N, C-alpha and C. Protein backbone atom coordinates (compact mmCIF):
# COMPACT_ATOMS: atom_id res chain seq x y z
N UNK A 1 -7.43 -3.58 -29.78
CA UNK A 1 -7.12 -2.18 -29.94
C UNK A 1 -6.92 -1.51 -28.57
N UNK A 2 -7.79 -1.85 -27.62
CA UNK A 2 -7.66 -1.28 -26.29
C UNK A 2 -6.41 -1.82 -25.62
N UNK A 3 -6.13 -3.08 -25.81
CA UNK A 3 -4.93 -3.67 -25.21
C UNK A 3 -3.67 -3.04 -25.78
N UNK A 4 -3.72 -2.66 -27.05
CA UNK A 4 -2.58 -1.98 -27.66
C UNK A 4 -2.35 -0.63 -27.00
N UNK A 5 -3.44 0.11 -26.74
CA UNK A 5 -3.30 1.41 -26.08
C UNK A 5 -2.76 1.26 -24.67
N UNK A 6 -3.24 0.25 -23.97
CA UNK A 6 -2.75 0.00 -22.62
C UNK A 6 -1.28 -0.39 -22.65
N UNK A 7 -0.89 -1.19 -23.63
CA UNK A 7 0.51 -1.59 -23.76
C UNK A 7 1.39 -0.39 -24.07
N UNK A 8 0.90 0.52 -24.89
CA UNK A 8 1.66 1.73 -25.19
C UNK A 8 1.82 2.59 -23.94
N UNK A 9 0.75 2.71 -23.15
CA UNK A 9 0.83 3.50 -21.91
C UNK A 9 1.83 2.88 -20.94
N UNK A 10 1.81 1.57 -20.82
CA UNK A 10 2.76 0.89 -19.93
C UNK A 10 4.18 1.06 -20.45
N UNK A 11 4.35 0.99 -21.77
CA UNK A 11 5.68 1.19 -22.34
C UNK A 11 6.19 2.60 -22.06
N UNK A 12 5.31 3.60 -22.11
CA UNK A 12 5.72 4.96 -21.79
C UNK A 12 6.19 5.06 -20.34
N UNK A 13 5.48 4.40 -19.45
CA UNK A 13 5.86 4.41 -18.04
C UNK A 13 7.23 3.77 -17.86
N UNK A 14 7.44 2.65 -18.51
CA UNK A 14 8.73 1.96 -18.39
C UNK A 14 9.85 2.83 -18.94
N UNK A 15 9.60 3.51 -20.05
CA UNK A 15 10.62 4.38 -20.63
C UNK A 15 10.96 5.51 -19.67
N UNK A 16 9.93 6.13 -19.07
CA UNK A 16 10.20 7.18 -18.09
C UNK A 16 10.98 6.64 -16.91
N UNK A 17 10.63 5.45 -16.46
CA UNK A 17 11.33 4.86 -15.32
C UNK A 17 12.79 4.55 -15.67
N UNK A 18 13.05 4.17 -16.91
CA UNK A 18 14.42 3.88 -17.31
C UNK A 18 15.21 5.17 -17.52
N UNK A 19 14.55 6.22 -18.03
CA UNK A 19 15.25 7.47 -18.28
C UNK A 19 15.56 8.25 -17.01
N UNK A 20 14.89 7.95 -15.91
CA UNK A 20 15.11 8.70 -14.68
C UNK A 20 15.66 7.85 -13.53
N UNK A 21 16.56 6.90 -13.78
CA UNK A 21 17.07 6.10 -12.67
C UNK A 21 18.01 6.88 -11.77
N UNK A 22 18.43 8.06 -12.23
CA UNK A 22 19.31 8.88 -11.41
C UNK A 22 18.65 9.21 -10.08
N UNK A 23 17.33 9.20 -10.02
CA UNK A 23 16.62 9.51 -8.77
C UNK A 23 16.92 8.48 -7.69
N UNK A 24 17.26 7.26 -8.09
CA UNK A 24 17.55 6.23 -7.10
C UNK A 24 18.86 6.48 -6.35
N UNK A 25 19.85 6.95 -7.05
CA UNK A 25 21.18 7.04 -6.45
C UNK A 25 21.67 8.48 -6.30
N UNK A 26 20.83 9.43 -6.69
CA UNK A 26 21.25 10.82 -6.72
C UNK A 26 21.20 11.44 -5.33
N UNK A 27 21.75 12.61 -5.26
CA UNK A 27 21.74 13.35 -4.00
C UNK A 27 20.34 13.89 -3.75
N UNK A 28 20.17 14.38 -2.55
CA UNK A 28 18.88 14.95 -2.17
C UNK A 28 18.51 16.12 -3.05
N UNK A 29 19.49 16.92 -3.46
CA UNK A 29 19.21 18.09 -4.30
C UNK A 29 18.64 17.68 -5.65
N UNK A 30 19.16 16.63 -6.25
CA UNK A 30 18.65 16.18 -7.54
C UNK A 30 17.24 15.64 -7.39
N UNK A 31 16.98 14.89 -6.31
CA UNK A 31 15.62 14.40 -6.07
C UNK A 31 14.66 15.57 -5.90
N UNK A 32 15.09 16.60 -5.17
CA UNK A 32 14.24 17.76 -4.94
C UNK A 32 13.94 18.49 -6.24
N UNK A 33 14.96 18.71 -7.07
CA UNK A 33 14.75 19.41 -8.33
C UNK A 33 13.90 18.58 -9.29
N UNK A 34 14.08 17.26 -9.28
CA UNK A 34 13.25 16.40 -10.12
C UNK A 34 11.80 16.50 -9.71
N UNK A 35 11.55 16.45 -8.39
CA UNK A 35 10.18 16.56 -7.90
C UNK A 35 9.57 17.90 -8.27
N UNK A 36 10.35 18.97 -8.17
CA UNK A 36 9.84 20.30 -8.54
C UNK A 36 9.57 20.39 -10.03
N UNK A 37 10.42 19.79 -10.83
CA UNK A 37 10.24 19.81 -12.28
C UNK A 37 8.96 19.09 -12.69
N UNK A 38 8.58 18.07 -11.94
CA UNK A 38 7.42 17.26 -12.31
C UNK A 38 6.10 18.00 -12.13
N UNK A 39 6.11 19.18 -11.54
CA UNK A 39 4.87 19.94 -11.42
C UNK A 39 4.36 20.37 -12.80
N UNK A 40 5.28 20.64 -13.72
CA UNK A 40 4.89 21.09 -15.06
C UNK A 40 4.13 19.98 -15.81
N UNK A 41 4.69 18.77 -15.94
CA UNK A 41 3.91 17.73 -16.62
C UNK A 41 2.65 17.34 -15.84
N UNK A 42 2.68 17.50 -14.51
CA UNK A 42 1.50 17.22 -13.72
C UNK A 42 0.36 18.17 -14.08
N UNK A 43 0.68 19.45 -14.25
CA UNK A 43 -0.33 20.42 -14.66
C UNK A 43 -0.81 20.13 -16.09
N UNK A 44 0.11 19.74 -16.96
CA UNK A 44 -0.28 19.38 -18.32
C UNK A 44 -1.24 18.19 -18.31
N UNK A 45 -0.94 17.18 -17.51
CA UNK A 45 -1.81 16.01 -17.42
C UNK A 45 -3.18 16.39 -16.87
N UNK A 46 -3.19 17.27 -15.88
CA UNK A 46 -4.47 17.72 -15.32
C UNK A 46 -5.29 18.46 -16.39
N UNK A 47 -4.63 19.33 -17.15
CA UNK A 47 -5.34 20.05 -18.21
C UNK A 47 -5.89 19.09 -19.26
N UNK A 48 -5.07 18.11 -19.66
CA UNK A 48 -5.54 17.13 -20.65
C UNK A 48 -6.71 16.32 -20.12
N UNK A 49 -6.67 15.94 -18.86
CA UNK A 49 -7.76 15.17 -18.26
C UNK A 49 -9.04 16.00 -18.20
N UNK A 50 -8.92 17.28 -17.85
CA UNK A 50 -10.10 18.14 -17.79
C UNK A 50 -10.70 18.33 -19.18
N UNK A 51 -9.85 18.62 -20.16
CA UNK A 51 -10.34 18.79 -21.53
C UNK A 51 -10.97 17.49 -22.02
N UNK A 52 -10.33 16.37 -21.72
CA UNK A 52 -10.89 15.08 -22.11
C UNK A 52 -12.25 14.83 -21.48
N UNK A 53 -12.39 15.16 -20.20
CA UNK A 53 -13.67 14.97 -19.53
C UNK A 53 -14.76 15.86 -20.10
N UNK A 54 -14.41 17.09 -20.44
CA UNK A 54 -15.39 18.01 -21.03
C UNK A 54 -15.82 17.50 -22.40
N UNK A 55 -14.86 17.07 -23.21
CA UNK A 55 -15.19 16.57 -24.54
C UNK A 55 -15.98 15.26 -24.45
N UNK A 56 -15.68 14.43 -23.47
CA UNK A 56 -16.41 13.16 -23.33
C UNK A 56 -17.88 13.39 -23.00
N UNK A 57 -18.20 14.50 -22.36
CA UNK A 57 -19.60 14.77 -22.00
C UNK A 57 -20.38 15.40 -23.14
N UNK A 58 -19.73 15.62 -24.27
CA UNK A 58 -20.39 16.24 -25.42
C UNK A 58 -21.31 15.24 -26.12
N UNK A 59 -22.27 15.76 -26.87
CA UNK A 59 -23.16 14.91 -27.66
C UNK A 59 -22.54 14.55 -29.00
N UNK A 60 -21.56 15.32 -29.43
CA UNK A 60 -20.90 15.09 -30.72
C UNK A 60 -19.95 13.90 -30.61
N UNK A 61 -20.11 12.94 -31.50
CA UNK A 61 -19.30 11.71 -31.46
C UNK A 61 -17.81 12.01 -31.69
N UNK A 62 -17.50 12.97 -32.57
CA UNK A 62 -16.11 13.33 -32.85
C UNK A 62 -15.45 13.93 -31.62
N UNK A 63 -16.18 14.79 -30.90
CA UNK A 63 -15.63 15.37 -29.68
C UNK A 63 -15.45 14.30 -28.60
N UNK A 64 -16.34 13.33 -28.55
CA UNK A 64 -16.18 12.24 -27.58
C UNK A 64 -14.92 11.43 -27.86
N UNK A 65 -14.65 11.19 -29.14
CA UNK A 65 -13.44 10.46 -29.51
C UNK A 65 -12.20 11.28 -29.14
N UNK A 66 -12.23 12.58 -29.42
CA UNK A 66 -11.11 13.44 -29.03
C UNK A 66 -10.95 13.47 -27.52
N UNK A 67 -12.07 13.52 -26.81
CA UNK A 67 -12.03 13.51 -25.36
C UNK A 67 -11.39 12.25 -24.81
N UNK A 68 -11.69 11.13 -25.44
CA UNK A 68 -11.10 9.86 -25.02
C UNK A 68 -9.57 9.91 -25.19
N UNK A 69 -9.12 10.47 -26.31
CA UNK A 69 -7.67 10.57 -26.57
C UNK A 69 -7.00 11.53 -25.58
N UNK A 70 -7.65 12.67 -25.30
CA UNK A 70 -7.08 13.61 -24.33
C UNK A 70 -7.00 12.97 -22.94
N UNK A 71 -8.06 12.26 -22.55
CA UNK A 71 -8.06 11.61 -21.24
C UNK A 71 -6.97 10.54 -21.16
N UNK A 72 -6.77 9.80 -22.23
CA UNK A 72 -5.73 8.77 -22.26
C UNK A 72 -4.34 9.39 -22.18
N UNK A 73 -4.13 10.51 -22.88
CA UNK A 73 -2.83 11.18 -22.81
C UNK A 73 -2.58 11.71 -21.40
N UNK A 74 -3.58 12.33 -20.81
CA UNK A 74 -3.44 12.85 -19.46
C UNK A 74 -3.15 11.76 -18.46
N UNK A 75 -3.87 10.66 -18.56
CA UNK A 75 -3.66 9.56 -17.63
C UNK A 75 -2.30 8.91 -17.83
N UNK A 76 -1.83 8.83 -19.06
CA UNK A 76 -0.49 8.28 -19.32
C UNK A 76 0.57 9.13 -18.64
N UNK A 77 0.41 10.44 -18.71
CA UNK A 77 1.36 11.33 -18.04
C UNK A 77 1.27 11.17 -16.53
N UNK A 78 0.04 11.08 -15.99
CA UNK A 78 -0.13 10.87 -14.56
C UNK A 78 0.55 9.58 -14.10
N UNK A 79 0.40 8.52 -14.89
CA UNK A 79 1.01 7.24 -14.51
C UNK A 79 2.53 7.35 -14.50
N UNK A 80 3.09 8.01 -15.50
CA UNK A 80 4.55 8.17 -15.56
C UNK A 80 5.05 9.00 -14.37
N UNK A 81 4.34 10.06 -14.05
CA UNK A 81 4.72 10.90 -12.91
C UNK A 81 4.62 10.12 -11.61
N UNK A 82 3.58 9.30 -11.49
CA UNK A 82 3.43 8.47 -10.29
C UNK A 82 4.63 7.54 -10.13
N UNK A 83 5.08 6.94 -11.22
CA UNK A 83 6.24 6.05 -11.15
C UNK A 83 7.48 6.82 -10.69
N UNK A 84 7.68 8.01 -11.24
CA UNK A 84 8.85 8.82 -10.86
C UNK A 84 8.76 9.23 -9.40
N UNK A 85 7.59 9.70 -8.97
CA UNK A 85 7.41 10.06 -7.56
C UNK A 85 7.64 8.87 -6.64
N UNK A 86 7.20 7.70 -7.05
CA UNK A 86 7.42 6.50 -6.25
C UNK A 86 8.91 6.20 -6.14
N UNK A 87 9.64 6.32 -7.24
CA UNK A 87 11.08 6.10 -7.21
C UNK A 87 11.76 7.10 -6.29
N UNK A 88 11.35 8.37 -6.39
CA UNK A 88 11.92 9.41 -5.52
C UNK A 88 11.61 9.12 -4.06
N UNK A 89 10.38 8.69 -3.78
CA UNK A 89 9.99 8.40 -2.40
C UNK A 89 10.82 7.26 -1.83
N UNK A 90 10.98 6.18 -2.58
CA UNK A 90 11.76 5.06 -2.08
C UNK A 90 13.25 5.39 -2.00
N UNK A 91 13.74 6.20 -2.94
CA UNK A 91 15.14 6.62 -2.86
C UNK A 91 15.37 7.45 -1.61
N UNK A 92 14.43 8.31 -1.27
CA UNK A 92 14.54 9.10 -0.05
C UNK A 92 14.39 8.22 1.17
N UNK A 93 13.53 7.21 1.09
CA UNK A 93 13.35 6.29 2.21
C UNK A 93 14.64 5.55 2.53
N UNK A 94 15.42 5.24 1.50
CA UNK A 94 16.68 4.53 1.72
C UNK A 94 17.83 5.48 2.07
N UNK A 95 17.56 6.78 2.05
CA UNK A 95 18.58 7.76 2.43
C UNK A 95 18.05 8.64 3.56
N UNK A 96 17.46 8.03 4.56
CA UNK A 96 16.82 8.78 5.64
C UNK A 96 17.79 9.59 6.48
N UNK A 97 19.05 9.22 6.48
CA UNK A 97 20.02 9.98 7.29
C UNK A 97 20.18 11.41 6.79
N UNK A 98 19.81 11.66 5.52
CA UNK A 98 19.92 13.01 4.96
C UNK A 98 18.65 13.83 5.17
N UNK A 99 17.65 13.23 5.79
CA UNK A 99 16.36 13.90 5.98
C UNK A 99 16.25 14.37 7.43
N UNK A 100 15.71 15.59 7.63
CA UNK A 100 15.47 16.07 8.98
C UNK A 100 14.59 15.07 9.72
N UNK A 101 14.83 14.91 11.02
CA UNK A 101 14.03 13.97 11.80
C UNK A 101 12.55 14.27 11.74
N UNK A 102 12.21 15.55 11.77
CA UNK A 102 10.78 15.91 11.74
C UNK A 102 10.15 15.60 10.38
N UNK A 103 10.93 15.53 9.34
CA UNK A 103 10.40 15.27 8.01
C UNK A 103 10.35 13.78 7.68
N UNK A 104 10.91 12.97 8.52
CA UNK A 104 10.83 11.52 8.29
C UNK A 104 9.40 11.02 8.37
N UNK A 105 8.60 11.65 9.20
CA UNK A 105 7.19 11.29 9.28
C UNK A 105 6.52 11.49 7.93
N UNK A 106 6.92 12.53 7.23
CA UNK A 106 6.35 12.81 5.90
C UNK A 106 6.72 11.69 4.93
N UNK A 107 7.97 11.27 4.95
CA UNK A 107 8.42 10.19 4.05
C UNK A 107 7.67 8.90 4.37
N UNK A 108 7.52 8.57 5.64
CA UNK A 108 6.79 7.36 6.02
C UNK A 108 5.33 7.44 5.56
N UNK A 109 4.72 8.60 5.72
CA UNK A 109 3.33 8.76 5.29
C UNK A 109 3.17 8.65 3.79
N UNK A 110 4.09 9.28 3.06
CA UNK A 110 4.04 9.19 1.60
C UNK A 110 4.21 7.74 1.14
N UNK A 111 5.10 7.03 1.81
CA UNK A 111 5.31 5.63 1.45
C UNK A 111 4.06 4.80 1.75
N UNK A 112 3.39 5.11 2.85
CA UNK A 112 2.15 4.39 3.18
C UNK A 112 1.04 4.68 2.17
N UNK A 113 1.04 5.87 1.58
CA UNK A 113 -0.02 6.25 0.65
C UNK A 113 0.17 5.67 -0.75
N UNK A 114 1.36 5.22 -1.08
CA UNK A 114 1.65 4.74 -2.44
C UNK A 114 0.72 3.61 -2.90
N UNK A 115 0.48 2.57 -2.10
CA UNK A 115 -0.43 1.51 -2.60
C UNK A 115 -1.85 2.01 -2.86
N UNK A 116 -2.33 2.94 -2.02
CA UNK A 116 -3.67 3.47 -2.22
C UNK A 116 -3.74 4.33 -3.49
N UNK A 117 -2.71 5.12 -3.71
CA UNK A 117 -2.65 5.92 -4.93
C UNK A 117 -2.55 5.02 -6.17
N UNK A 118 -1.78 3.94 -6.03
CA UNK A 118 -1.63 3.01 -7.14
C UNK A 118 -2.98 2.42 -7.54
N UNK A 119 -3.77 1.98 -6.54
CA UNK A 119 -5.08 1.40 -6.86
C UNK A 119 -6.01 2.44 -7.48
N UNK A 120 -5.92 3.67 -7.02
CA UNK A 120 -6.76 4.74 -7.60
C UNK A 120 -6.37 5.00 -9.05
N UNK A 121 -5.07 5.04 -9.32
CA UNK A 121 -4.61 5.25 -10.70
C UNK A 121 -4.93 4.03 -11.57
N UNK A 122 -4.86 2.84 -10.99
CA UNK A 122 -5.24 1.64 -11.73
C UNK A 122 -6.71 1.69 -12.13
N UNK A 123 -7.57 2.13 -11.21
CA UNK A 123 -9.00 2.26 -11.54
C UNK A 123 -9.19 3.26 -12.68
N UNK A 124 -8.53 4.40 -12.61
CA UNK A 124 -8.66 5.40 -13.68
C UNK A 124 -8.14 4.84 -15.00
N UNK A 125 -7.06 4.08 -14.94
CA UNK A 125 -6.50 3.47 -16.15
C UNK A 125 -7.49 2.50 -16.78
N UNK A 126 -8.08 1.66 -15.96
CA UNK A 126 -9.06 0.71 -16.48
C UNK A 126 -10.30 1.43 -17.02
N UNK A 127 -10.69 2.51 -16.37
CA UNK A 127 -11.87 3.25 -16.82
C UNK A 127 -11.62 3.94 -18.16
N UNK A 128 -10.40 4.42 -18.37
CA UNK A 128 -10.11 5.18 -19.59
C UNK A 128 -9.68 4.29 -20.74
N UNK A 129 -8.87 3.27 -20.47
CA UNK A 129 -8.29 2.47 -21.55
C UNK A 129 -9.11 1.23 -21.91
N UNK A 130 -9.89 0.72 -21.01
CA UNK A 130 -10.66 -0.50 -21.28
C UNK A 130 -12.10 -0.14 -21.63
N UNK A 131 -12.74 -0.99 -22.42
CA UNK A 131 -14.14 -0.79 -22.78
C UNK A 131 -15.07 -1.60 -21.88
N UNK A 132 -14.58 -1.98 -20.72
CA UNK A 132 -15.37 -2.77 -19.77
C UNK A 132 -16.32 -1.84 -19.02
N UNK A 133 -17.61 -2.13 -19.07
CA UNK A 133 -18.60 -1.28 -18.41
C UNK A 133 -18.51 -1.33 -16.89
N UNK A 134 -17.86 -2.35 -16.34
CA UNK A 134 -17.71 -2.44 -14.89
C UNK A 134 -16.87 -1.28 -14.35
N UNK A 135 -15.94 -0.77 -15.13
CA UNK A 135 -15.04 0.29 -14.70
C UNK A 135 -15.44 1.67 -15.21
N UNK A 136 -16.59 1.76 -15.86
CA UNK A 136 -17.04 3.06 -16.34
C UNK A 136 -17.29 3.98 -15.15
N UNK A 137 -16.89 5.22 -15.29
CA UNK A 137 -16.99 6.15 -14.17
C UNK A 137 -18.44 6.54 -13.90
N UNK A 138 -19.25 6.68 -14.94
CA UNK A 138 -20.62 7.14 -14.75
C UNK A 138 -21.57 6.00 -14.43
N UNK A 139 -21.64 4.98 -15.25
CA UNK A 139 -22.60 3.90 -15.06
C UNK A 139 -21.95 2.57 -14.71
N UNK A 140 -20.76 2.61 -14.16
CA UNK A 140 -20.04 1.38 -13.83
C UNK A 140 -20.51 0.77 -12.51
N UNK A 141 -19.81 -0.24 -12.10
CA UNK A 141 -20.13 -0.92 -10.85
C UNK A 141 -19.84 -0.01 -9.66
N UNK A 142 -20.85 0.18 -8.83
CA UNK A 142 -20.69 1.05 -7.66
C UNK A 142 -19.72 0.43 -6.66
N UNK A 143 -19.71 -0.88 -6.57
CA UNK A 143 -18.81 -1.56 -5.63
C UNK A 143 -17.35 -1.36 -6.05
N UNK A 144 -17.08 -1.53 -7.33
CA UNK A 144 -15.71 -1.35 -7.82
C UNK A 144 -15.28 0.10 -7.63
N UNK A 145 -16.17 1.04 -7.96
CA UNK A 145 -15.83 2.45 -7.79
C UNK A 145 -15.60 2.79 -6.32
N UNK A 146 -16.41 2.23 -5.43
CA UNK A 146 -16.24 2.47 -4.01
C UNK A 146 -14.90 1.94 -3.52
N UNK A 147 -14.58 0.70 -3.90
CA UNK A 147 -13.36 0.06 -3.40
C UNK A 147 -12.08 0.58 -4.05
N UNK A 148 -12.14 0.90 -5.33
CA UNK A 148 -10.92 1.28 -6.04
C UNK A 148 -10.73 2.79 -6.16
N UNK A 149 -11.78 3.58 -5.95
CA UNK A 149 -11.64 5.02 -6.12
C UNK A 149 -11.92 5.76 -4.82
N UNK A 150 -13.13 5.65 -4.33
CA UNK A 150 -13.55 6.46 -3.19
C UNK A 150 -12.78 6.10 -1.93
N UNK A 151 -12.73 4.83 -1.58
CA UNK A 151 -12.02 4.42 -0.36
C UNK A 151 -10.51 4.68 -0.46
N UNK A 152 -9.96 4.53 -1.66
CA UNK A 152 -8.53 4.79 -1.83
C UNK A 152 -8.23 6.27 -1.63
N UNK A 153 -9.08 7.12 -2.19
CA UNK A 153 -8.88 8.57 -2.00
C UNK A 153 -9.06 8.94 -0.53
N UNK A 154 -10.04 8.33 0.15
CA UNK A 154 -10.25 8.61 1.57
C UNK A 154 -9.03 8.19 2.39
N UNK A 155 -8.47 7.04 2.06
CA UNK A 155 -7.29 6.56 2.80
C UNK A 155 -6.12 7.53 2.62
N UNK A 156 -5.92 8.01 1.41
CA UNK A 156 -4.82 8.95 1.17
C UNK A 156 -5.05 10.25 1.94
N UNK A 157 -6.28 10.74 1.95
CA UNK A 157 -6.58 11.97 2.68
C UNK A 157 -6.34 11.77 4.17
N UNK A 158 -6.74 10.64 4.72
CA UNK A 158 -6.53 10.37 6.14
C UNK A 158 -5.03 10.30 6.44
N UNK A 159 -4.26 9.64 5.58
CA UNK A 159 -2.81 9.55 5.78
C UNK A 159 -2.19 10.94 5.73
N UNK A 160 -2.55 11.75 4.73
CA UNK A 160 -1.97 13.08 4.61
C UNK A 160 -2.38 13.98 5.78
N UNK A 161 -3.62 13.86 6.24
CA UNK A 161 -4.04 14.64 7.42
C UNK A 161 -3.27 14.18 8.66
N UNK A 162 -3.06 12.88 8.77
CA UNK A 162 -2.26 12.36 9.88
C UNK A 162 -0.84 12.88 9.85
N UNK A 163 -0.27 12.97 8.67
CA UNK A 163 1.07 13.54 8.54
C UNK A 163 1.07 14.97 9.06
N UNK A 164 0.08 15.74 8.64
CA UNK A 164 0.00 17.13 9.06
C UNK A 164 -0.16 17.27 10.57
N UNK A 165 -0.84 16.34 11.18
CA UNK A 165 -1.05 16.40 12.63
C UNK A 165 0.22 16.00 13.39
N UNK A 166 0.91 14.99 12.90
CA UNK A 166 2.03 14.43 13.66
C UNK A 166 3.39 15.06 13.38
N UNK A 167 3.50 15.91 12.36
CA UNK A 167 4.78 16.60 12.16
C UNK A 167 4.90 17.64 13.26
N UNK A 168 5.95 17.58 14.05
CA UNK A 168 6.08 18.53 15.16
C UNK A 168 6.12 19.97 14.67
N UNK A 169 5.29 20.81 15.28
CA UNK A 169 5.19 22.20 14.85
C UNK A 169 6.49 22.96 15.09
N UNK A 170 7.16 22.67 16.18
CA UNK A 170 8.41 23.35 16.48
C UNK A 170 9.44 23.10 15.38
N UNK A 171 9.51 21.87 14.90
CA UNK A 171 10.45 21.55 13.84
C UNK A 171 10.08 22.26 12.54
N UNK A 172 8.79 22.39 12.29
CA UNK A 172 8.35 23.10 11.09
C UNK A 172 8.77 24.56 11.17
N UNK A 173 8.59 25.17 12.35
CA UNK A 173 9.00 26.56 12.53
C UNK A 173 10.52 26.71 12.36
N UNK A 174 11.28 25.76 12.91
CA UNK A 174 12.74 25.81 12.78
C UNK A 174 13.14 25.69 11.30
N UNK A 175 12.47 24.85 10.58
CA UNK A 175 12.75 24.67 9.15
C UNK A 175 12.45 25.96 8.37
N UNK A 176 11.35 26.62 8.71
CA UNK A 176 11.00 27.89 8.05
C UNK A 176 12.06 28.95 8.34
N UNK A 177 12.51 29.02 9.57
CA UNK A 177 13.55 29.98 9.93
C UNK A 177 14.83 29.69 9.16
N UNK A 178 15.17 28.42 9.03
CA UNK A 178 16.36 28.02 8.29
C UNK A 178 16.24 28.45 6.83
N UNK A 179 15.06 28.26 6.24
CA UNK A 179 14.84 28.65 4.85
C UNK A 179 14.93 30.18 4.70
N UNK A 180 14.36 30.92 5.65
CA UNK A 180 14.42 32.38 5.60
C UNK A 180 15.85 32.87 5.67
N UNK A 181 16.66 32.25 6.55
CA UNK A 181 18.04 32.68 6.67
C UNK A 181 18.84 32.37 5.40
N UNK A 182 18.53 31.25 4.75
CA UNK A 182 19.18 30.92 3.49
C UNK A 182 18.81 31.93 2.41
N UNK A 183 17.55 32.31 2.37
CA UNK A 183 17.07 33.26 1.36
C UNK A 183 17.66 34.65 1.62
N UNK A 184 17.74 35.03 2.88
CA UNK A 184 18.29 36.35 3.21
C UNK A 184 19.77 36.46 2.89
N UNK A 185 20.50 35.34 3.00
CA UNK A 185 21.94 35.39 2.74
C UNK A 185 22.26 35.39 1.24
N UNK A 186 21.30 35.07 0.42
CA UNK A 186 21.54 35.05 -1.03
C UNK A 186 21.36 36.38 -1.59
């Protein structure tokens, strides 16, 4: 039964990846709009995960079952969004000539963070979809949680902080001025 749920979640990811291949070959504008559009399902997934976590902490068995379903739906959406973001990141990586030089550091950093994010999402997937106590978030293996969750999140934070430090400030200011002039002309 758990394997069926995991197979359904993987099938959803594959379907999303097949339905959005335009991100691989599309222009920068389409990649940008796709990334902006994904904020809506990302918020939905976050809300489902929060509701699922609240229901899972309940003493009522029915609410715990509902919480498990909400958490699984939220995580399925997160996994699909991760796949789309990964496709967008690699599509941008292969079209670096269209990216400002100062923003290339951001693309490199995002690409470096993908494996760490993948392992973190894999841990969450195993915790939510599998009945293995080793991956339980509350009473699971501390070593697995440390290696697959905590250290992965720390690595992503360090990479993102490094991006923020190494992006040249002058280029950021120039980009802001460019955006202001575009907005003023509209």
